[in-house]
Amino acid sequence: MAEKITFDMHVGQRQMMAEMARMRAGASALPLPPMANGVTGMQQPSFGAVLNQAISHSDNVQHAASVQQPAQETGQRVDSAAAMLESQKDSVAFSVLAQVRDRLSTAFDDVINTTL
């Protein structure tokens, strides 16, 4: 009886190995995603470019809010909901930018304090 269980286990292992071989052959025939094999149709933006774009966007949002706030305070005809929305956008953009700065600073400190 022990021989039959061992024989069945070997047959099961062979079937599993054959299935794995079929899966490997099928997977190797599929093309890799663009980022996995390093060949892309478009160039990926650098971290610095993305960070500069985020800073520029935050600056633009701040300027848009700073234009509407004084107009509302002086009593000019300005949509108060739009002015409040721009102010909130400015607040969120600045908060996100400050968080990114803090995380970059923490990451830099971690790298500097890493013992080799």
C-alpha atoms as a PDB file:
ATOM      1  CA  MET A   1       0.000   0.000   0.000  1.00  0.00           C
ATOM      2  CA  ALA A   2       2.870   2.362   0.783  1.00  0.00           C
ATOM      3  CA  GLU A   3       4.247   1.720  -2.691  1.00  0.00           C
ATOM      4  CA  LYS A   4       0.916   2.759  -4.272  1.00  0.00           C
ATOM      5  CA  ILE A   5       0.843   6.037  -2.297  1.00  0.00           C
ATOM      6  CA  THR A   6       4.458   6.760  -3.300  1.00  0.00           C
ATOM      7  CA  PHE A   7       3.671   5.894  -6.917  1.00  0.00           C
ATOM      8  CA  ASP A   8       0.580   8.155  -6.887  1.00  0.00           C
ATOM      9  CA  MET A   9       2.623  10.971  -5.350  1.00  0.00           C
ATOM     10  CA  HIS A  10       5.259  10.660  -8.095  1.00  0.00           C
ATOM     11  CA  VAL A  11       2.523  10.732 -10.753  1.00  0.00           C
ATOM     12  CA  GLY A  12       1.029  13.835  -9.095  1.00  0.00           C
ATOM     13  CA  GLN A  13       4.438  15.482  -8.993  1.00  0.00           C
ATOM     14  CA  ARG A  14       5.022  14.733 -12.658  1.00  0.00           C
ATOM     15  CA  GLN A  15       1.644  16.191 -13.578  1.00  0.00           C
ATOM     16  CA  MET A  16       2.384  19.292 -11.527  1.00  0.00           C
ATOM     17  CA  MET A  17       5.824  19.674 -13.114  1.00  0.00           C
ATOM     18  CA  ALA A  18       4.309  19.281 -16.587  1.00  0.00           C
ATOM     19  CA  GLU A  19       1.677  21.933 -15.770  1.00  0.00           C
ATOM     20  CA  MET A  20       4.372  24.299 -14.466  1.00  0.00           C
ATOM     21  CA  ALA A  21       6.403  23.773 -17.644  1.00  0.00           C
ATOM     22  CA  ARG A  22       3.347  24.626 -19.782  1.00  0.00           C
ATOM     23  CA  MET A  23       2.706  27.725 -17.719  1.00  0.00           C
ATOM     24  CA  ARG A  24       6.359  28.797 -17.983  1.00  0.00           C
ATOM     25  CA  ALA A  25       6.298  28.357 -21.763  1.00  0.00           C
ATOM     26  CA  GLY A  26       3.085  30.351 -22.015  1.00  0.00           C
ATOM     27  CA  ALA A  27       4.411  33.124 -19.773  1.00  0.00           C
ATOM     28  CA  SER A  28       7.679  33.459 -21.671  1.00  0.00           C
ATOM     29  CA  ALA A  29       5.739  33.929 -24.912  1.00  0.00           C
ATOM     30  CA  LEU A  30       3.956  37.001 -23.505  1.00  0.00           C
ATOM     31  CA  PRO A  31       5.640  40.387 -23.994  1.00  0.00           C
ATOM     32  CA  LEU A  32       6.830  42.173 -20.866  1.00  0.00           C
ATOM     33  CA  PRO A  33       5.120  45.409 -19.826  1.00  0.00           C
ATOM     34  CA  PRO A  34       6.984  48.533 -20.995  1.00  0.00           C
ATOM     35  CA  MET A  35       8.288  49.490 -17.540  1.00  0.00           C
ATOM     36  CA  ALA A  36       9.452  45.959 -16.696  1.00  0.00           C
ATOM     37  CA  ASN A  37      11.841  45.543 -19.604  1.00  0.00           C
ATOM     38  CA  GLY A  38      13.026  49.156 -19.717  1.00  0.00           C
ATOM     39  CA  VAL A  39      11.824  49.820 -23.264  1.00  0.00           C
ATOM     40  CA  THR A  40       9.133  52.457 -23.446  1.00  0.00           C
ATOM     41  CA  GLY A  41       7.556  54.440 -26.208  1.00  0.00           C
ATOM     42  CA  MET A  42       7.663  57.563 -24.063  1.00  0.00           C
ATOM     43  CA  GLN A  43      10.380  58.830 -21.783  1.00  0.00           C
ATOM     44  CA  GLN A  44       9.431  58.750 -18.104  1.00  0.00           C
ATOM     45  CA  PRO A  45       9.714  62.166 -16.419  1.00  0.00           C
ATOM     46  CA  SER A  46      12.406  62.532 -13.810  1.00  0.00           C
ATOM     47  CA  PHE A  47      11.597  63.013 -10.143  1.00  0.00           C
ATOM     48  CA  GLY A  48      12.982  66.536 -10.292  1.00  0.00           C
ATOM     49  CA  ALA A  49      10.722  67.450 -13.211  1.00  0.00           C
ATOM     50  CA  VAL A  50       7.650  66.104 -11.420  1.00  0.00           C
ATOM     51  CA  LEU A  51       8.607  67.955  -8.243  1.00  0.00           C
ATOM     52  CA  ASN A  52       9.152  71.201 -10.159  1.00  0.00           C
ATOM     53  CA  GLN A  53       5.780  70.765 -11.840  1.00  0.00           C
ATOM     54  CA  ALA A  54       4.096  70.248  -8.455  1.00  0.00           C
ATOM     55  CA  ILE A  55       5.775  73.344  -7.028  1.00  0.00           C
ATOM     56  CA  SER A  56       4.724  75.364 -10.073  1.00  0.00           C
ATOM     57  CA  HIS A  57       1.139  74.118  -9.769  1.00  0.00           C
ATOM     58  CA  SER A  58       1.068  75.029  -6.075  1.00  0.00           C
ATOM     59  CA  ASP A  59       2.402  78.485  -6.916  1.00  0.00           C
ATOM     60  CA  ASN A  60      -0.255  78.990  -9.603  1.00  0.00           C
ATOM     61  CA  VAL A  61      -3.015  77.959  -7.201  1.00  0.00           C
ATOM     62  CA  GLN A  62      -1.653  80.360  -4.585  1.00  0.00           C
ATOM     63  CA  HIS A  63      -1.629  83.228  -7.091  1.00  0.00           C
ATOM     64  CA  ALA A  64      -5.206  82.476  -8.160  1.00  0.00           C
ATOM     65  CA  ALA A  65      -6.315  82.581  -4.515  1.00  0.00           C
ATOM     66  CA  SER A  66      -4.359  85.758  -3.802  1.00  0.00           C
ATOM     67  CA  VAL A  67      -6.106  87.535  -6.687  1.00  0.00           C
ATOM     68  CA  GLN A  68      -9.627  86.688  -5.526  1.00  0.00           C
ATOM     69  CA  GLN A  69      -9.139  87.225  -1.788  1.00  0.00           C
ATOM     70  CA  PRO A  70      -8.383  90.981  -1.870  1.00  0.00           C
ATOM     71  CA  ALA A  71     -11.153  91.506  -4.397  1.00  0.00           C
ATOM     72  CA  GLN A  72     -13.636  89.934  -2.022  1.00  0.00           C
ATOM     73  CA  GLU A  73     -12.275  91.838   0.970  1.00  0.00           C
ATOM     74  CA  THR A  74     -12.599  95.196  -0.813  1.00  0.00           C
ATOM     75  CA  GLY A  75     -16.198  94.475  -1.777  1.00  0.00           C
ATOM     76  CA  GLN A  76     -15.713  93.997  -5.505  1.00  0.00           C
ATOM     77  CA  ARG A  77     -18.139  91.724  -7.301  1.00  0.00           C
ATOM     78  CA  VAL A  78     -16.544  88.325  -6.888  1.00  0.00           C
ATOM     79  CA  ASP A  79     -18.191  84.958  -6.519  1.00  0.00           C
ATOM     80  CA  SER A  80     -17.573  84.293  -2.819  1.00  0.00           C
ATOM     81  CA  ALA A  81     -17.931  80.532  -3.271  1.00  0.00           C
ATOM     82  CA  ALA A  82     -15.256  80.567  -5.965  1.00  0.00           C
ATOM     83  CA  ALA A  83     -12.991  82.702  -3.760  1.00  0.00           C
ATOM     84  CA  MET A  84     -13.409  80.292  -0.848  1.00  0.00           C
ATOM     85  CA  LEU A  85     -12.797  77.332  -3.138  1.00  0.00           C
ATOM     86  CA  GLU A  86      -9.576  78.884  -4.449  1.00  0.00           C
ATOM     87  CA  SER A  87      -8.481  79.566  -0.875  1.00  0.00           C
ATOM     88  CA  GLN A  88      -9.117  75.933   0.070  1.00  0.00           C
ATOM     89  CA  LYS A  89      -7.258  74.712  -3.028  1.00  0.00           C
ATOM     90  CA  ASP A  90      -4.329  76.897  -1.999  1.00  0.00           C
ATOM     91  CA  SER A  91      -4.405  75.484   1.513  1.00  0.00           C
ATOM     92  CA  VAL A  92      -4.479  71.877   0.320  1.00  0.00           C
ATOM     93  CA  ALA A  93      -1.741  72.425  -2.296  1.00  0.00           C
ATOM     94  CA  PHE A  94       0.524  74.065   0.274  1.00  0.00           C
ATOM     95  CA  SER A  95      -0.171  71.319   2.820  1.00  0.00           C
ATOM     96  CA  VAL A  96       0.695  68.587   0.314  1.00  0.00           C
ATOM     97  CA  LEU A  97       3.857  70.409  -0.694  1.00  0.00           C
ATOM     98  CA  ALA A  98       4.889  70.740   2.967  1.00  0.00           C
ATOM     99  CA  GLN A  99       4.247  67.020   3.528  1.00  0.00           C
ATOM    100  CA  VAL A 100       6.382  66.104   0.516  1.00  0.00           C
ATOM    101  CA  ARG A 101       9.147  68.351   1.808  1.00  0.00           C
ATOM    102  CA  ASP A 102       8.964  66.746   5.254  1.00  0.00           C
ATOM    103  CA  ARG A 103       9.048  63.227   3.822  1.00  0.00           C
ATOM    104  CA  LEU A 104      11.994  64.052   1.575  1.00  0.00           C
ATOM    105  CA  SER A 105      13.818  65.537   4.533  1.00  0.00           C
ATOM    106  CA  THR A 106      13.107  62.433   6.627  1.00  0.00           C
ATOM    107  CA  ALA A 107      14.232  60.140   3.812  1.00  0.00           C
ATOM    108  CA  PHE A 108      17.430  62.160   3.378  1.00  0.00           C
ATOM    109  CA  ASP A 109      18.125  61.980   7.114  1.00  0.00           C
ATOM    110  CA  ASP A 110      17.528  58.207   7.055  1.00  0.00           C
ATOM    111  CA  VAL A 111      19.998  57.783   4.197  1.00  0.00           C
ATOM    112  CA  ILE A 112      22.597  59.962   5.900  1.00  0.00           C
ATOM    113  CA  ASN A 113      22.236  58.110   9.214  1.00  0.00           C
ATOM    114  CA  THR A 114      22.401  54.646   7.651  1.00  0.00           C
ATOM    115  CA  THR A 115      25.364  52.725   8.941  1.00  0.00           C
ATOM    116  CA  LEU A 116      27.425  50.821   6.436  1.00  0.00           C
END
